[in-house]
């Protein structure tokens, strides 16, 4: 490793110890009942936001329990657009709030309700630097959400900033999303290496292969991906053809538009798989 790479690694490890300590304190309090899923990739354009939006809808449609979708991509979050929503508030409205001042009232102002039943927190309209917020701010908001919701789905930024590390630490599962192409595969190798450095338990990482274009013919084969990653592909999402791009362009998530599509049914299966055992012991609202 060159000196710059080493400095970067040390920086991540130093940040990690703070973020992990804070997240672990919370985990012991809430791990029992709340399912927290972070959708992550170091490369944009592989379908993270689409997966996060539809997974939140799947949790809500299966269990009819309070579900919140958090857009933590402060530079260019897409969640509100994908829901065809006009949020009355975004992270920008709480930019000057110190971590110690986060209370239920602030969180209820920040959270917007979508007509379909899920709640969401929208990204700012214009990009905001992560360091505009106090250390630990997002973690405290997440703590409040975990007290109020059974399911928390986080669309995580494509990086390992302090905020991303805090939220990834808190998640019960991380969906590491990749498309079957070389740049995406390289990004996934990098992410797995850093998860390992951060000390995340391997069972928390779910490598998720998203066929986000008709790549079945010329994309990298799953067996090759697994060989290069040194990690099995845990979840596979089929190509959703025109329905997915329509959903993105018109703000009609495919799980609302057409639950019978193979991609919709697969996301619902994943939602069930990732649900807390507590929920799995109760019959779902919509079997």
C-alpha atoms as a PDB file:
ATOM      1  CA  UNK A   1       0.000   0.000   0.000  1.00  0.00           C
ATOM      2  CA  UNK A   2       1.285   3.474  -0.895  1.00  0.00           C
ATOM      3  CA  UNK A   3       1.425   6.258   1.733  1.00  0.00           C
ATOM      4  CA  UNK A   4      -1.769   7.940   0.499  1.00  0.00           C
ATOM      5  CA  UNK A   5      -3.687   4.690   0.549  1.00  0.00           C
ATOM      6  CA  UNK A   6      -2.407   4.046   4.066  1.00  0.00           C
ATOM      7  CA  UNK A   7      -3.525   7.477   5.272  1.00  0.00           C
ATOM      8  CA  UNK A   8      -6.963   6.857   3.752  1.00  0.00           C
ATOM      9  CA  UNK A   9      -7.188   3.504   5.522  1.00  0.00           C
ATOM     10  CA  UNK A  10      -6.149   4.964   8.866  1.00  0.00           C
ATOM     11  CA  UNK A  11      -8.686   7.744   8.427  1.00  0.00           C
ATOM     12  CA  UNK A  12     -11.458   5.228   7.841  1.00  0.00           C
ATOM     13  CA  UNK A  13     -10.389   3.146  10.832  1.00  0.00           C
ATOM     14  CA  UNK A  14     -10.242   6.198  13.115  1.00  0.00           C
ATOM     15  CA  UNK A  15     -13.706   7.298  11.984  1.00  0.00           C
ATOM     16  CA  UNK A  16     -14.918   3.775  12.275  1.00  0.00           C
ATOM     17  CA  UNK A  17     -14.098   3.501  15.982  1.00  0.00           C
ATOM     18  CA  UNK A  18     -16.259   6.568  16.777  1.00  0.00           C
ATOM     19  CA  UNK A  19     -19.085   5.618  14.449  1.00  0.00           C
ATOM     20  CA  UNK A  20     -19.064   1.970  15.511  1.00  0.00           C
ATOM     21  CA  UNK A  21     -19.107   2.781  19.233  1.00  0.00           C
ATOM     22  CA  UNK A  22     -22.125   5.026  18.787  1.00  0.00           C
ATOM     23  CA  UNK A  23     -23.903   2.555  16.522  1.00  0.00           C
ATOM     24  CA  UNK A  24     -23.212  -0.422  18.795  1.00  0.00           C
ATOM     25  CA  UNK A  25     -24.744   1.386  21.772  1.00  0.00           C
ATOM     26  CA  UNK A  26     -27.900   1.891  19.719  1.00  0.00           C
ATOM     27  CA  UNK A  27     -27.879  -1.633  18.319  1.00  0.00           C
ATOM     28  CA  UNK A  28     -28.076  -3.192  21.753  1.00  0.00           C
ATOM     29  CA  UNK A  29     -31.177  -1.090  22.481  1.00  0.00           C
ATOM     30  CA  UNK A  30     -33.086  -1.673  19.244  1.00  0.00           C
ATOM     31  CA  UNK A  31     -31.747  -4.755  17.520  1.00  0.00           C
ATOM     32  CA  UNK A  32     -34.595  -6.831  18.896  1.00  0.00           C
ATOM     33  CA  UNK A  33     -37.506  -5.358  16.967  1.00  0.00           C
ATOM     34  CA  UNK A  34     -36.456  -3.060  14.115  1.00  0.00           C
ATOM     35  CA  UNK A  35     -35.297  -4.289  10.720  1.00  0.00           C
ATOM     36  CA  UNK A  36     -32.776  -1.764   9.329  1.00  0.00           C
ATOM     37  CA  UNK A  37     -31.574  -2.355   5.760  1.00  0.00           C
ATOM     38  CA  UNK A  38     -28.894  -0.167   4.145  1.00  0.00           C
ATOM     39  CA  UNK A  39     -28.641  -0.329   0.343  1.00  0.00           C
ATOM     40  CA  UNK A  40     -25.061   0.528  -0.666  1.00  0.00           C
ATOM     41  CA  UNK A  41     -22.620   0.607  -3.561  1.00  0.00           C
ATOM     42  CA  UNK A  42     -19.472   2.613  -4.260  1.00  0.00           C
ATOM     43  CA  UNK A  43     -20.666   3.043  -7.835  1.00  0.00           C
ATOM     44  CA  UNK A  44     -23.767   4.973  -8.865  1.00  0.00           C
ATOM     45  CA  UNK A  45     -26.135   3.819 -11.578  1.00  0.00           C
ATOM     46  CA  UNK A  46     -26.468   0.211 -10.418  1.00  0.00           C
ATOM     47  CA  UNK A  47     -30.033   0.589  -9.118  1.00  0.00           C
ATOM     48  CA  UNK A  48     -29.572   1.260  -5.380  1.00  0.00           C
ATOM     49  CA  UNK A  49     -32.321   3.892  -5.108  1.00  0.00           C
ATOM     50  CA  UNK A  50     -34.801   1.811  -7.081  1.00  0.00           C
ATOM     51  CA  UNK A  51     -34.103  -1.207  -4.848  1.00  0.00           C
ATOM     52  CA  UNK A  52     -34.390   0.899  -1.655  1.00  0.00           C
ATOM     53  CA  UNK A  53     -37.730   2.451  -2.717  1.00  0.00           C
ATOM     54  CA  UNK A  54     -39.292  -0.850  -3.760  1.00  0.00           C
ATOM     55  CA  UNK A  55     -37.929  -2.735  -0.745  1.00  0.00           C
ATOM     56  CA  UNK A  56     -39.544  -0.206   1.617  1.00  0.00           C
ATOM     57  CA  UNK A  57     -42.826  -0.665  -0.283  1.00  0.00           C
ATOM     58  CA  UNK A  58     -42.420  -4.461  -0.042  1.00  0.00           C
ATOM     59  CA  UNK A  59     -41.979  -4.343   3.754  1.00  0.00           C
ATOM     60  CA  UNK A  60     -45.076  -2.173   4.082  1.00  0.00           C
ATOM     61  CA  UNK A  61     -47.168  -4.263   1.697  1.00  0.00           C
ATOM     62  CA  UNK A  62     -46.215  -7.551   3.382  1.00  0.00           C
ATOM     63  CA  UNK A  63     -46.598  -6.532   7.023  1.00  0.00           C
ATOM     64  CA  UNK A  64     -48.618  -3.267   7.041  1.00  0.00           C
ATOM     65  CA  UNK A  65     -46.276  -2.014   9.792  1.00  0.00           C
ATOM     66  CA  UNK A  66     -44.755   1.483  10.119  1.00  0.00           C
ATOM     67  CA  UNK A  67     -42.015   1.747   7.481  1.00  0.00           C
ATOM     68  CA  UNK A  68     -39.668   4.652   6.731  1.00  0.00           C
ATOM     69  CA  UNK A  69     -37.377   5.142   3.727  1.00  0.00           C
ATOM     70  CA  UNK A  70     -34.347   7.374   4.363  1.00  0.00           C
ATOM     71  CA  UNK A  71     -32.586   9.118   1.481  1.00  0.00           C
ATOM     72  CA  UNK A  72     -29.056   9.568   2.805  1.00  0.00           C
ATOM     73  CA  UNK A  73     -27.590  10.570  -0.577  1.00  0.00           C
ATOM     74  CA  UNK A  74     -27.115  14.252   0.233  1.00  0.00           C
ATOM     75  CA  UNK A  75     -25.480  15.145  -3.082  1.00  0.00           C
ATOM     76  CA  UNK A  76     -28.131  13.816  -5.470  1.00  0.00           C
ATOM     77  CA  UNK A  77     -30.825  11.760  -3.746  1.00  0.00           C
ATOM     78  CA  UNK A  78     -33.518  10.311  -6.019  1.00  0.00           C
ATOM     79  CA  UNK A  79     -36.044   8.879  -3.557  1.00  0.00           C
ATOM     80  CA  UNK A  80     -38.651  11.682  -3.692  1.00  0.00           C
ATOM     81  CA  UNK A  81     -38.464  11.753  -7.485  1.00  0.00           C
ATOM     82  CA  UNK A  82     -38.962   7.999  -7.699  1.00  0.00           C
ATOM     83  CA  UNK A  83     -42.043   8.325  -5.491  1.00  0.00           C
ATOM     84  CA  UNK A  84     -43.302  11.257  -7.591  1.00  0.00           C
ATOM     85  CA  UNK A  85     -43.458  13.169  -4.309  1.00  0.00           C
ATOM     86  CA  UNK A  86     -43.107  16.858  -3.457  1.00  0.00           C
ATOM     87  CA  UNK A  87     -41.570  16.665   0.028  1.00  0.00           C
ATOM     88  CA  UNK A  88     -42.591  19.436   2.422  1.00  0.00           C
ATOM     89  CA  UNK A  89     -39.220  19.084   4.200  1.00  0.00           C
ATOM     90  CA  UNK A  90     -35.726  17.677   3.525  1.00  0.00           C
ATOM     91  CA  UNK A  91     -32.438  17.269   5.410  1.00  0.00           C
ATOM     92  CA  UNK A  92     -31.685  20.855   4.417  1.00  0.00           C
ATOM     93  CA  UNK A  93     -34.283  22.105   6.926  1.00  0.00           C
ATOM     94  CA  UNK A  94     -32.299  20.697   9.866  1.00  0.00           C
ATOM     95  CA  UNK A  95     -28.809  21.597   8.702  1.00  0.00           C
ATOM     96  CA  UNK A  96     -28.043  23.836  11.706  1.00  0.00           C
ATOM     97  CA  UNK A  97     -29.549  21.604  14.368  1.00  0.00           C
ATOM     98  CA  UNK A  98     -27.034  20.189  16.885  1.00  0.00           C
ATOM     99  CA  UNK A  99     -27.178  16.432  17.515  1.00  0.00           C
ATOM    100  CA  UNK A 100     -28.241  17.047  21.118  1.00  0.00           C
ATOM    101  CA  UNK A 101     -31.369  18.929  19.952  1.00  0.00           C
ATOM    102  CA  UNK A 102     -32.806  16.031  17.911  1.00  0.00           C
ATOM    103  CA  UNK A 103     -36.161  15.079  19.425  1.00  0.00           C
ATOM    104  CA  UNK A 104     -39.392  13.399  18.292  1.00  0.00           C
ATOM    105  CA  UNK A 105     -40.845  16.730  17.187  1.00  0.00           C
ATOM    106  CA  UNK A 106     -37.892  17.454  14.877  1.00  0.00           C
ATOM    107  CA  UNK A 107     -38.082  13.964  13.389  1.00  0.00           C
ATOM    108  CA  UNK A 108     -41.821  14.261  12.741  1.00  0.00           C
ATOM    109  CA  UNK A 109     -41.158  17.548  10.898  1.00  0.00           C
ATOM    110  CA  UNK A 110     -38.449  15.860   8.825  1.00  0.00           C
ATOM    111  CA  UNK A 111     -40.487  12.778   7.888  1.00  0.00           C
ATOM    112  CA  UNK A 112     -42.990  13.037   5.014  1.00  0.00           C
ATOM    113  CA  UNK A 113     -45.895  10.668   4.402  1.00  0.00           C
ATOM    114  CA  UNK A 114     -46.522   9.137   0.982  1.00  0.00           C
ATOM    115  CA  UNK A 115     -50.113   8.359  -0.112  1.00  0.00           C
ATOM    116  CA  UNK A 116     -49.219   4.652  -0.412  1.00  0.00           C
ATOM    117  CA  UNK A 117     -48.632   4.462   3.364  1.00  0.00           C
ATOM    118  CA  UNK A 118     -44.853   4.524   3.790  1.00  0.00           C
ATOM    119  CA  UNK A 119     -43.007   7.480   5.303  1.00  0.00           C
ATOM    120  CA  UNK A 120     -39.795   8.911   3.866  1.00  0.00           C
ATOM    121  CA  UNK A 121     -37.044  11.467   4.511  1.00  0.00           C
ATOM    122  CA  UNK A 122     -36.041  13.293   1.334  1.00  0.00           C
ATOM    123  CA  UNK A 123     -32.599  14.402   0.174  1.00  0.00           C
ATOM    124  CA  UNK A 124     -32.044  18.157  -0.247  1.00  0.00           C
ATOM    125  CA  UNK A 125     -33.078  19.728  -3.551  1.00  0.00           C
ATOM    126  CA  UNK A 126     -29.509  20.909  -4.130  1.00  0.00           C
ATOM    127  CA  UNK A 127     -26.314  19.094  -3.061  1.00  0.00           C
ATOM    128  CA  UNK A 128     -25.183  19.559   0.539  1.00  0.00           C
ATOM    129  CA  UNK A 129     -21.795  18.594   1.970  1.00  0.00           C
ATOM    130  CA  UNK A 130     -22.009  15.859   4.596  1.00  0.00           C
ATOM    131  CA  UNK A 131     -19.782  17.844   6.969  1.00  0.00           C
ATOM    132  CA  UNK A 132     -22.464  20.559   7.140  1.00  0.00           C
ATOM    133  CA  UNK A 133     -24.021  18.336   9.827  1.00  0.00           C
ATOM    134  CA  UNK A 134     -22.688  17.675  13.316  1.00  0.00           C
ATOM    135  CA  UNK A 135     -20.889  14.393  13.984  1.00  0.00           C
ATOM    136  CA  UNK A 136     -23.464  11.797  15.019  1.00  0.00           C
ATOM    137  CA  UNK A 137     -26.477  13.814  13.806  1.00  0.00           C
ATOM    138  CA  UNK A 138     -27.712  11.131  11.399  1.00  0.00           C
ATOM    139  CA  UNK A 139     -27.158   8.430  13.979  1.00  0.00           C
ATOM    140  CA  UNK A 140     -29.366  10.235  16.515  1.00  0.00           C
ATOM    141  CA  UNK A 141     -32.094  10.690  13.877  1.00  0.00           C
ATOM    142  CA  UNK A 142     -31.792   6.978  13.023  1.00  0.00           C
ATOM    143  CA  UNK A 143     -32.169   6.117  16.722  1.00  0.00           C
ATOM    144  CA  UNK A 144     -35.443   8.055  16.851  1.00  0.00           C
ATOM    145  CA  UNK A 145     -36.668   6.333  13.687  1.00  0.00           C
ATOM    146  CA  UNK A 146     -35.862   2.922  15.172  1.00  0.00           C
ATOM    147  CA  UNK A 147     -38.059   3.746  18.153  1.00  0.00           C
ATOM    148  CA  UNK A 148     -40.990   4.658  15.891  1.00  0.00           C
ATOM    149  CA  UNK A 149     -40.792   2.263  12.919  1.00  0.00           C
ATOM    150  CA  UNK A 150     -40.649  -1.508  12.448  1.00  0.00           C
ATOM    151  CA  UNK A 151     -38.778  -1.153   9.135  1.00  0.00           C
ATOM    152  CA  UNK A 152     -36.104   1.400   8.225  1.00  0.00           C
ATOM    153  CA  UNK A 153     -34.640   1.287   4.689  1.00  0.00           C
ATOM    154  CA  UNK A 154     -31.658   3.559   3.967  1.00  0.00           C
ATOM    155  CA  UNK A 155     -30.507   4.576   0.498  1.00  0.00           C
ATOM    156  CA  UNK A 156     -26.842   5.104   1.416  1.00  0.00           C
ATOM    157  CA  UNK A 157     -24.420   7.448  -0.393  1.00  0.00           C
ATOM    158  CA  UNK A 158     -21.810   5.865  -2.705  1.00  0.00           C
ATOM    159  CA  UNK A 159     -18.942   6.442  -0.285  1.00  0.00           C
ATOM    160  CA  UNK A 160     -17.471   5.721   3.152  1.00  0.00           C
ATOM    161  CA  UNK A 161     -18.072   9.151   4.688  1.00  0.00           C
ATOM    162  CA  UNK A 162     -18.682   9.405   8.453  1.00  0.00           C
ATOM    163  CA  UNK A 163     -22.428   9.416   7.816  1.00  0.00           C
ATOM    164  CA  UNK A 164     -22.278   6.324   5.598  1.00  0.00           C
ATOM    165  CA  UNK A 165     -20.132   4.432   8.114  1.00  0.00           C
ATOM    166  CA  UNK A 166     -22.531   5.318  10.955  1.00  0.00           C
ATOM    167  CA  UNK A 167     -25.600   4.201   9.011  1.00  0.00           C
ATOM    168  CA  UNK A 168     -23.946   1.044   7.666  1.00  0.00           C
ATOM    169  CA  UNK A 169     -22.847   0.160  11.210  1.00  0.00           C
ATOM    170  CA  UNK A 170     -26.414   0.485  12.424  1.00  0.00           C
ATOM    171  CA  UNK A 171     -27.985  -1.657   9.683  1.00  0.00           C
ATOM    172  CA  UNK A 172     -29.068  -5.212  10.430  1.00  0.00           C
ATOM    173  CA  UNK A 173     -28.351  -5.992   6.753  1.00  0.00           C
ATOM    174  CA  UNK A 174     -26.304  -4.257   4.061  1.00  0.00           C
ATOM    175  CA  UNK A 175     -27.325  -4.942   0.469  1.00  0.00           C
ATOM    176  CA  UNK A 176     -24.120  -4.422  -1.510  1.00  0.00           C
ATOM    177  CA  UNK A 177     -25.505  -3.850  -5.003  1.00  0.00           C
ATOM    178  CA  UNK A 178     -23.563  -4.560  -8.180  1.00  0.00           C
ATOM    179  CA  UNK A 179     -24.383  -4.858 -11.861  1.00  0.00           C
ATOM    180  CA  UNK A 180     -22.762  -7.604 -13.976  1.00  0.00           C
ATOM    181  CA  UNK A 181     -20.078  -5.312 -15.445  1.00  0.00           C
ATOM    182  CA  UNK A 182     -16.409  -4.700 -14.701  1.00  0.00           C
ATOM    183  CA  UNK A 183     -16.471  -1.218 -13.113  1.00  0.00           C
ATOM    184  CA  UNK A 184     -19.251  -2.303 -10.782  1.00  0.00           C
ATOM    185  CA  UNK A 185     -17.368  -5.484  -9.865  1.00  0.00           C
ATOM    186  CA  UNK A 186     -14.247  -3.473  -9.007  1.00  0.00           C
ATOM    187  CA  UNK A 187     -16.287  -1.135  -6.790  1.00  0.00           C
ATOM    188  CA  UNK A 188     -17.830  -4.135  -5.007  1.00  0.00           C
ATOM    189  CA  UNK A 189     -14.370  -5.627  -4.305  1.00  0.00           C
ATOM    190  CA  UNK A 190     -13.367  -2.283  -2.738  1.00  0.00           C
ATOM    191  CA  UNK A 191     -16.515  -2.130  -0.613  1.00  0.00           C
ATOM    192  CA  UNK A 192     -16.095  -5.712   0.673  1.00  0.00           C
ATOM    193  CA  UNK A 193     -12.487  -4.952   1.636  1.00  0.00           C
ATOM    194  CA  UNK A 194     -13.545  -1.916   3.657  1.00  0.00           C
ATOM    195  CA  UNK A 195     -16.501  -3.697   5.307  1.00  0.00           C
ATOM    196  CA  UNK A 196     -13.945  -6.220   6.471  1.00  0.00           C
ATOM    197  CA  UNK A 197     -11.628  -3.456   7.786  1.00  0.00           C
ATOM    198  CA  UNK A 198     -14.609  -1.935   9.569  1.00  0.00           C
ATOM    199  CA  UNK A 199     -15.220  -5.244  11.301  1.00  0.00           C
ATOM    200  CA  UNK A 200     -18.746  -5.792   9.948  1.00  0.00           C
ATOM    201  CA  UNK A 201     -19.876  -9.398  10.521  1.00  0.00           C
ATOM    202  CA  UNK A 202     -19.860 -11.261   7.177  1.00  0.00           C
ATOM    203  CA  UNK A 203     -23.463 -12.468   7.595  1.00  0.00           C
ATOM    204  CA  UNK A 204     -24.637  -8.828   7.605  1.00  0.00           C
ATOM    205  CA  UNK A 205     -23.416  -8.320   3.995  1.00  0.00           C
ATOM    206  CA  UNK A 206     -25.766  -9.506   1.249  1.00  0.00           C
ATOM    207  CA  UNK A 207     -24.098  -9.269  -2.173  1.00  0.00           C
ATOM    208  CA  UNK A 208     -26.968  -8.307  -4.480  1.00  0.00           C
ATOM    209  CA  UNK A 209     -26.610  -8.818  -8.224  1.00  0.00           C
ATOM    210  CA  UNK A 210     -28.963  -6.443 -10.016  1.00  0.00           C
ATOM    211  CA  UNK A 211     -29.573  -7.078 -13.711  1.00  0.00           C
ATOM    212  CA  UNK A 212     -30.290  -3.403 -14.299  1.00  0.00           C
ATOM    213  CA  UNK A 213     -30.042  -3.689 -18.075  1.00  0.00           C
ATOM    214  CA  UNK A 214     -30.531  -6.549 -20.490  1.00  0.00           C
ATOM    215  CA  UNK A 215     -27.078  -7.836 -19.648  1.00  0.00           C
ATOM    216  CA  UNK A 216     -27.940 -11.527 -19.544  1.00  0.00           C
ATOM    217  CA  UNK A 217     -26.404 -11.998 -22.992  1.00  0.00           C
ATOM    218  CA  UNK A 218     -23.121 -10.115 -22.581  1.00  0.00           C
ATOM    219  CA  UNK A 219     -22.792  -9.321 -18.856  1.00  0.00           C
ATOM    220  CA  UNK A 220     -20.269 -11.046 -16.606  1.00  0.00           C
ATOM    221  CA  UNK A 221     -21.589 -14.432 -15.485  1.00  0.00           C
ATOM    222  CA  UNK A 222     -22.591 -14.930 -11.842  1.00  0.00           C
ATOM    223  CA  UNK A 223     -20.048 -17.726 -11.363  1.00  0.00           C
ATOM    224  CA  UNK A 224     -17.234 -15.412 -12.556  1.00  0.00           C
ATOM    225  CA  UNK A 225     -18.427 -12.609 -10.270  1.00  0.00           C
ATOM    226  CA  UNK A 226     -18.394 -14.959  -7.280  1.00  0.00           C
ATOM    227  CA  UNK A 227     -14.925 -16.200  -8.160  1.00  0.00           C
ATOM    228  CA  UNK A 228     -13.476 -12.681  -8.451  1.00  0.00           C
ATOM    229  CA  UNK A 229     -15.277 -11.386  -5.326  1.00  0.00           C
ATOM    230  CA  UNK A 230     -14.415 -14.444  -3.254  1.00  0.00           C
ATOM    231  CA  UNK A 231     -17.981 -14.140  -1.949  1.00  0.00           C
ATOM    232  CA  UNK A 232     -21.229 -15.792  -3.027  1.00  0.00           C
ATOM    233  CA  UNK A 233     -23.931 -13.709  -4.667  1.00  0.00           C
ATOM    234  CA  UNK A 234     -26.631 -13.796  -1.967  1.00  0.00           C
ATOM    235  CA  UNK A 235     -29.510 -12.167  -3.846  1.00  0.00           C
ATOM    236  CA  UNK A 236     -30.269 -11.851  -7.559  1.00  0.00           C
ATOM    237  CA  UNK A 237     -32.738  -9.308  -8.966  1.00  0.00           C
ATOM    238  CA  UNK A 238     -33.980 -10.052 -12.491  1.00  0.00           C
ATOM    239  CA  UNK A 239     -34.027  -7.504 -15.296  1.00  0.00           C
ATOM    240  CA  UNK A 240     -37.227  -5.469 -15.099  1.00  0.00           C
ATOM    241  CA  UNK A 241     -37.168  -4.212 -18.703  1.00  0.00           C
ATOM    242  CA  UNK A 242     -39.257  -1.143 -19.515  1.00  0.00           C
ATOM    243  CA  UNK A 243     -41.267  -1.229 -16.294  1.00  0.00           C
ATOM    244  CA  UNK A 244     -38.272  -0.231 -14.190  1.00  0.00           C
ATOM    245  CA  UNK A 245     -37.188   2.688 -16.375  1.00  0.00           C
ATOM    246  CA  UNK A 246     -40.824   3.804 -16.602  1.00  0.00           C
ATOM    247  CA  UNK A 247     -41.065   3.600 -12.799  1.00  0.00           C
ATOM    248  CA  UNK A 248     -37.969   5.799 -12.455  1.00  0.00           C
ATOM    249  CA  UNK A 249     -39.003   8.336 -15.114  1.00  0.00           C
ATOM    250  CA  UNK A 250     -42.652   8.679 -14.054  1.00  0.00           C
ATOM    251  CA  UNK A 251     -42.311   8.226 -10.297  1.00  0.00           C
ATOM    252  CA  UNK A 252     -44.376   5.023 -10.308  1.00  0.00           C
ATOM    253  CA  UNK A 253     -42.416   2.361  -8.372  1.00  0.00           C
ATOM    254  CA  UNK A 254     -42.963  -1.028  -9.982  1.00  0.00           C
ATOM    255  CA  UNK A 255     -44.191  -2.475  -6.670  1.00  0.00           C
ATOM    256  CA  UNK A 256     -47.071   0.009  -6.756  1.00  0.00           C
ATOM    257  CA  UNK A 257     -47.652  -0.236 -10.504  1.00  0.00           C
ATOM    258  CA  UNK A 258     -47.449  -3.978 -11.056  1.00  0.00           C
ATOM    259  CA  UNK A 259     -46.882  -6.482  -8.231  1.00  0.00           C
ATOM    260  CA  UNK A 260     -47.000  -9.416 -10.677  1.00  0.00           C
ATOM    261  CA  UNK A 261     -43.761  -8.575 -12.490  1.00  0.00           C
ATOM    262  CA  UNK A 262     -40.921 -11.049 -11.784  1.00  0.00           C
ATOM    263  CA  UNK A 263     -38.812  -8.156 -10.422  1.00  0.00           C
ATOM    264  CA  UNK A 264     -41.658  -7.068  -8.083  1.00  0.00           C
ATOM    265  CA  UNK A 265     -42.153 -10.589  -6.760  1.00  0.00           C
ATOM    266  CA  UNK A 266     -38.408 -10.970  -6.233  1.00  0.00           C
ATOM    267  CA  UNK A 267     -38.176  -7.741  -4.214  1.00  0.00           C
ATOM    268  CA  UNK A 268     -41.126  -8.923  -2.092  1.00  0.00           C
ATOM    269  CA  UNK A 269     -39.337 -12.244  -1.480  1.00  0.00           C
ATOM    270  CA  UNK A 270     -36.205 -10.332  -0.439  1.00  0.00           C
ATOM    271  CA  UNK A 271     -38.330  -8.167   1.880  1.00  0.00           C
ATOM    272  CA  UNK A 272     -39.688 -11.296   3.552  1.00  0.00           C
ATOM    273  CA  UNK A 273     -36.210 -12.863   3.809  1.00  0.00           C
ATOM    274  CA  UNK A 274     -34.751  -9.768   5.475  1.00  0.00           C
ATOM    275  CA  UNK A 275     -37.639  -9.297   7.904  1.00  0.00           C
ATOM    276  CA  UNK A 276     -36.986  -9.744  11.602  1.00  0.00           C
ATOM    277  CA  UNK A 277     -37.816 -13.183  13.044  1.00  0.00           C
ATOM    278  CA  UNK A 278     -40.380 -11.452  15.277  1.00  0.00           C
ATOM    279  CA  UNK A 279     -42.376 -10.542  12.181  1.00  0.00           C
ATOM    280  CA  UNK A 280     -41.891 -13.898  10.507  1.00  0.00           C
ATOM    281  CA  UNK A 281     -43.586 -15.557  13.486  1.00  0.00           C
ATOM    282  CA  UNK A 282     -46.768 -13.551  12.848  1.00  0.00           C
ATOM    283  CA  UNK A 283     -48.784 -14.201   9.672  1.00  0.00           C
ATOM    284  CA  UNK A 284     -48.240 -11.338   7.173  1.00  0.00           C
ATOM    285  CA  UNK A 285     -51.056  -8.883   6.476  1.00  0.00           C
ATOM    286  CA  UNK A 286     -50.988  -9.834   2.775  1.00  0.00           C
ATOM    287  CA  UNK A 287     -49.766 -13.432   2.433  1.00  0.00           C
END
